[in-house]
């Protein structure tokens, strides 16, 4: 059964008529909202009342594209006309320009929880105390690691004495001896310098995402009164996570 308003049948459209003429609006063709398409066909021809609105005029003109004599065939609204989960996703998703840091976050060897957190960070969606101040927060704004400066993305992950040691130590493992320590610079630096799928690029991306994620977890331990890791323990955890993924993805190189 084809429903007149809610199935994509009319003309060359790939969307239901209700998308173009919502039933809730005063301009909707209410005399056939809901019934089967067959209710507006008589003797192999379209059976319409006289058009009394611009809406009905547009609908009836579009129906000139539809031949009633043809046999109906269900098709998927994809380029190929055949079901494909990938093509269906491309049809459904909202398409926007690709961001420069895409490859730093989403790559085949990424650790999902690390990638998701970095994705939030790149979109300024991490609730640091500096961000909470913008919302009117008037409580403690100091970094929980050093208790000296305001907790911002840049300070928390790269400029605080504790974070800086972790960041530089992990980057030194990747042969990066003087990594940037400003968030905006790091976004550009990582986007330009961590391209590719080879072992070297993958290791850098894994180290970057693991460092940021684990520093945030360390910070949350302090927020919620749990025992934080020592500097050595945190470094060991980051290195273990990175090494485990590299061994899995590049067994021939290890």
Protein backbone atom coordinates (compact mmCIF):
# COMPACT_ATOMS: atom_id res chain seq x y z
CA UNK A 1 0.00 0.00 0.00
CA UNK A 2 1.36 3.40 -0.97
CA UNK A 3 0.29 6.28 1.28
CA UNK A 4 -0.25 9.48 -0.65
CA UNK A 5 1.32 11.91 1.81
CA UNK A 6 4.04 9.79 3.40
CA UNK A 7 5.67 7.69 0.67
CA UNK A 8 8.20 9.02 -1.84
CA UNK A 9 6.26 8.34 -5.03
CA UNK A 10 5.55 11.69 -6.68
CA UNK A 11 7.52 12.82 -9.71
CA UNK A 12 11.28 12.74 -9.51
CA UNK A 13 11.24 13.48 -5.77
CA UNK A 14 13.03 11.20 -3.35
CA UNK A 15 11.11 12.52 -0.35
CA UNK A 16 7.46 12.20 0.75
CA UNK A 17 4.93 14.85 -0.23
CA UNK A 18 4.44 15.65 3.47
CA UNK A 19 8.00 17.06 3.53
CA UNK A 20 7.05 19.63 0.92
CA UNK A 21 3.49 20.23 2.14
CA UNK A 22 3.36 19.44 5.89
CA UNK A 23 -0.16 18.31 6.92
CA UNK A 24 -0.02 20.69 9.90
CA UNK A 25 0.11 23.77 7.65
CA UNK A 26 -2.88 25.58 6.23
CA UNK A 27 -1.58 25.06 2.68
CA UNK A 28 -1.53 21.26 2.94
CA UNK A 29 -3.71 19.27 0.50
CA UNK A 30 -5.86 18.07 3.40
CA UNK A 31 -8.51 16.32 1.31
CA UNK A 32 -6.14 13.36 0.76
CA UNK A 33 -3.91 13.41 3.84
CA UNK A 34 -3.50 9.81 4.98
CA UNK A 35 -5.45 7.74 2.39
CA UNK A 36 -3.92 5.34 -0.08
CA UNK A 37 -2.57 6.69 -3.34
CA UNK A 38 -5.16 4.60 -5.16
CA UNK A 39 -7.87 6.89 -3.74
CA UNK A 40 -6.84 9.64 -6.17
CA UNK A 41 -6.71 7.40 -9.27
CA UNK A 42 -9.78 6.53 -11.36
CA UNK A 43 -9.79 4.40 -14.48
CA UNK A 44 -6.04 4.59 -14.96
CA UNK A 45 -5.93 8.40 -14.69
CA UNK A 46 -5.40 10.94 -11.96
CA UNK A 47 -8.65 11.90 -10.24
CA UNK A 48 -8.39 15.30 -8.59
CA UNK A 49 -10.88 17.97 -7.56
CA UNK A 50 -10.41 21.32 -9.24
CA UNK A 51 -7.30 23.06 -7.95
CA UNK A 52 -8.26 25.87 -5.59
CA UNK A 53 -4.83 26.76 -4.27
CA UNK A 54 -1.27 27.23 -5.46
CA UNK A 55 -0.34 24.10 -3.52
CA UNK A 56 -2.69 21.87 -5.52
CA UNK A 57 -1.58 23.50 -8.77
CA UNK A 58 2.04 22.64 -7.97
CA UNK A 59 1.16 19.08 -6.96
CA UNK A 60 -0.84 18.40 -10.10
CA UNK A 61 1.88 19.85 -12.35
CA UNK A 62 4.47 17.61 -10.70
CA UNK A 63 2.28 14.57 -11.33
CA UNK A 64 2.77 15.00 -15.07
CA UNK A 65 6.13 13.31 -14.44
CA UNK A 66 4.43 10.18 -13.10
CA UNK A 67 3.13 7.55 -15.54
CA UNK A 68 0.31 5.56 -13.95
CA UNK A 69 0.61 2.75 -16.47
CA UNK A 70 4.07 1.73 -15.29
CA UNK A 71 4.53 -1.14 -12.88
CA UNK A 72 5.56 0.11 -9.44
CA UNK A 73 8.94 -1.01 -8.20
CA UNK A 74 10.38 -0.27 -4.78
CA UNK A 75 13.87 1.24 -4.97
CA UNK A 76 16.35 2.51 -2.41
CA UNK A 77 16.96 6.25 -2.50
CA UNK A 78 20.69 5.80 -3.13
CA UNK A 79 22.77 6.55 -6.20
CA UNK A 80 22.85 2.91 -7.25
CA UNK A 81 19.20 2.22 -6.35
CA UNK A 82 20.33 -0.83 -4.35
CA UNK A 83 20.59 -1.06 -0.58
CA UNK A 84 24.00 -0.25 0.85
CA UNK A 85 24.55 0.80 4.46
CA UNK A 86 27.34 3.15 3.36
CA UNK A 87 25.22 4.83 0.67
CA UNK A 88 22.22 5.00 2.98
CA UNK A 89 24.35 6.77 5.59
CA UNK A 90 25.59 9.23 2.98
CA UNK A 91 21.98 9.99 1.98
CA UNK A 92 20.81 10.49 5.57
CA UNK A 93 23.67 12.37 7.17
CA UNK A 94 24.04 16.13 7.21
CA UNK A 95 27.02 16.94 5.02
CA UNK A 96 29.46 19.65 6.07
CA UNK A 97 32.98 20.61 4.93
CA UNK A 98 35.69 18.29 6.26
CA UNK A 99 37.61 19.85 9.14
CA UNK A 100 41.40 20.03 9.00
CA UNK A 101 41.86 17.82 12.08
CA UNK A 102 39.67 14.97 10.83
CA UNK A 103 42.56 12.57 10.24
CA UNK A 104 44.05 13.21 13.69
CA UNK A 105 40.87 12.01 15.42
CA UNK A 106 39.46 9.34 13.11
CA UNK A 107 41.94 6.78 11.79
CA UNK A 108 41.99 2.99 11.66
CA UNK A 109 44.20 2.51 14.73
CA UNK A 110 42.43 5.04 16.93
CA UNK A 111 41.29 4.06 20.42
CA UNK A 112 37.56 4.95 20.38
CA UNK A 113 37.28 6.57 23.82
CA UNK A 114 40.41 8.64 23.13
CA UNK A 115 39.14 9.68 19.71
CA UNK A 116 35.73 10.69 21.05
CA UNK A 117 37.28 12.84 23.76
CA UNK A 118 39.67 14.56 21.34
CA UNK A 119 36.74 15.15 18.96
CA UNK A 120 34.95 16.97 21.79
CA UNK A 121 38.09 18.95 22.63
CA UNK A 122 38.62 20.07 19.04
CA UNK A 123 35.07 21.43 19.08
CA UNK A 124 35.58 23.27 22.38
CA UNK A 125 33.04 20.98 24.03
CA UNK A 126 35.12 20.08 27.09
CA UNK A 127 33.80 21.59 30.31
CA UNK A 128 36.93 23.21 31.68
CA UNK A 129 36.61 25.70 34.52
CA UNK A 130 37.52 28.51 32.15
CA UNK A 131 34.54 27.54 29.98
CA UNK A 132 32.27 27.30 33.02
CA UNK A 133 33.18 30.91 33.84
CA UNK A 134 31.69 31.92 30.51
CA UNK A 135 28.43 30.36 31.71
CA UNK A 136 28.46 32.36 34.93
CA UNK A 137 30.32 29.92 37.22
CA UNK A 138 31.77 31.74 40.22
CA UNK A 139 33.50 28.88 42.09
CA UNK A 140 37.07 27.66 42.07
CA UNK A 141 38.65 28.28 38.66
CA UNK A 142 42.22 27.14 39.35
CA UNK A 143 43.91 24.20 37.65
CA UNK A 144 43.65 21.13 39.85
CA UNK A 145 47.18 20.01 39.00
CA UNK A 146 49.11 23.14 39.96
CA UNK A 147 46.55 25.31 41.79
CA UNK A 148 48.19 28.34 40.22
CA UNK A 149 46.46 29.34 36.96
CA UNK A 150 42.96 29.18 35.51
CA UNK A 151 42.01 25.80 34.07
CA UNK A 152 41.77 26.23 30.28
CA UNK A 153 42.37 23.73 27.49
CA UNK A 154 45.84 25.07 26.80
CA UNK A 155 46.91 25.24 30.43
CA UNK A 156 45.34 21.95 31.54
CA UNK A 157 46.85 19.80 28.78
CA UNK A 158 50.10 21.52 27.84
CA UNK A 159 51.27 24.43 30.01
CA UNK A 160 50.70 23.32 33.60
CA UNK A 161 53.99 22.01 35.03
CA UNK A 162 52.52 18.54 35.58
CA UNK A 163 50.88 18.29 32.14
CA UNK A 164 53.88 19.81 30.39
CA UNK A 165 56.15 17.05 31.72
CA UNK A 166 53.73 14.36 30.54
CA UNK A 167 53.21 15.99 27.13
CA UNK A 168 56.90 16.54 26.40
CA UNK A 169 57.91 13.08 27.64
CA UNK A 170 55.37 11.33 25.41
CA UNK A 171 56.25 13.49 22.41
CA UNK A 172 59.95 12.75 23.00
CA UNK A 173 59.07 9.08 22.54
CA UNK A 174 57.94 10.10 19.03
CA UNK A 175 61.18 12.01 18.36
CA UNK A 176 59.42 15.37 18.77
CA UNK A 177 61.72 17.34 21.07
CA UNK A 178 60.01 20.73 21.07
CA UNK A 179 56.24 20.26 20.61
CA UNK A 180 53.96 23.33 20.68
CA UNK A 181 52.15 24.08 23.92
CA UNK A 182 49.28 26.29 22.75
CA UNK A 183 45.93 24.69 21.88
CA UNK A 184 45.32 26.59 18.63
CA UNK A 185 48.88 25.93 17.45
CA UNK A 186 48.57 22.25 18.35
CA UNK A 187 45.40 21.91 16.27
CA UNK A 188 47.24 23.24 13.21
CA UNK A 189 50.48 21.40 14.00
CA UNK A 190 48.81 18.02 14.47
CA UNK A 191 46.60 18.47 11.39
CA UNK A 192 49.63 19.22 9.20
CA UNK A 193 52.24 16.99 10.81
CA UNK A 194 50.34 13.80 11.60
CA UNK A 195 49.03 12.93 8.17
CA UNK A 196 49.37 9.46 6.73
CA UNK A 197 48.78 5.87 7.83
CA UNK A 198 52.37 4.76 8.38
CA UNK A 199 53.75 3.67 11.71
CA UNK A 200 55.36 7.00 12.53
CA UNK A 201 52.23 9.09 11.90
CA UNK A 202 49.99 6.59 13.65
CA UNK A 203 52.24 6.53 16.72
CA UNK A 204 52.15 10.33 16.97
CA UNK A 205 48.37 10.43 16.71
CA UNK A 206 47.98 7.69 19.30
CA UNK A 207 50.35 9.47 21.67
CA UNK A 208 48.54 12.78 21.23
CA UNK A 209 45.06 11.37 21.83
CA UNK A 210 46.18 9.12 24.71
CA UNK A 211 47.94 12.00 26.47
CA UNK A 212 44.98 14.37 26.29
CA UNK A 213 42.48 11.68 27.33
CA UNK A 214 44.53 10.43 30.29
CA UNK A 215 45.28 13.93 31.55
CA UNK A 216 41.54 14.59 31.60
CA UNK A 217 40.95 11.36 33.51
CA UNK A 218 43.67 12.39 35.97
CA UNK A 219 41.97 15.74 36.41
CA UNK A 220 38.61 14.06 37.03
CA UNK A 221 40.15 11.89 39.76
CA UNK A 222 41.03 15.10 41.60
CA UNK A 223 37.58 16.60 40.97
CA UNK A 224 35.79 13.57 42.42
CA UNK A 225 38.20 12.89 45.29
CA UNK A 226 39.69 9.69 43.90
CA UNK A 227 43.37 8.77 44.15
CA UNK A 228 45.23 10.20 41.13
CA UNK A 229 48.16 8.44 39.50
CA UNK A 230 51.72 9.54 40.03
CA UNK A 231 53.56 11.12 37.12
CA UNK A 232 55.44 7.85 36.48
CA UNK A 233 52.27 5.75 36.66
CA UNK A 234 50.44 8.04 34.24
CA UNK A 235 53.32 7.95 31.75
CA UNK A 236 53.41 4.14 31.98
CA UNK A 237 49.66 3.91 31.33
CA UNK A 238 49.83 6.17 28.26
CA UNK A 239 52.78 4.25 26.85
CA UNK A 240 51.11 0.90 27.48
CA UNK A 241 47.90 1.97 25.66
CA UNK A 242 49.85 3.29 22.68
CA UNK A 243 52.18 0.29 22.53
CA UNK A 244 49.27 -2.18 22.71
CA UNK A 245 47.54 -0.61 19.73
CA UNK A 246 50.76 -0.37 17.69
CA UNK A 247 51.53 -4.05 18.36
CA UNK A 248 48.04 -4.92 17.17
CA UNK A 249 48.10 -2.76 14.04
CA UNK A 250 51.77 -3.09 13.06
CA UNK A 251 52.93 -6.52 14.31
CA UNK A 252 55.48 -6.77 11.49
CA UNK A 253 57.25 -3.59 12.65
CA UNK A 254 57.58 -4.53 16.31
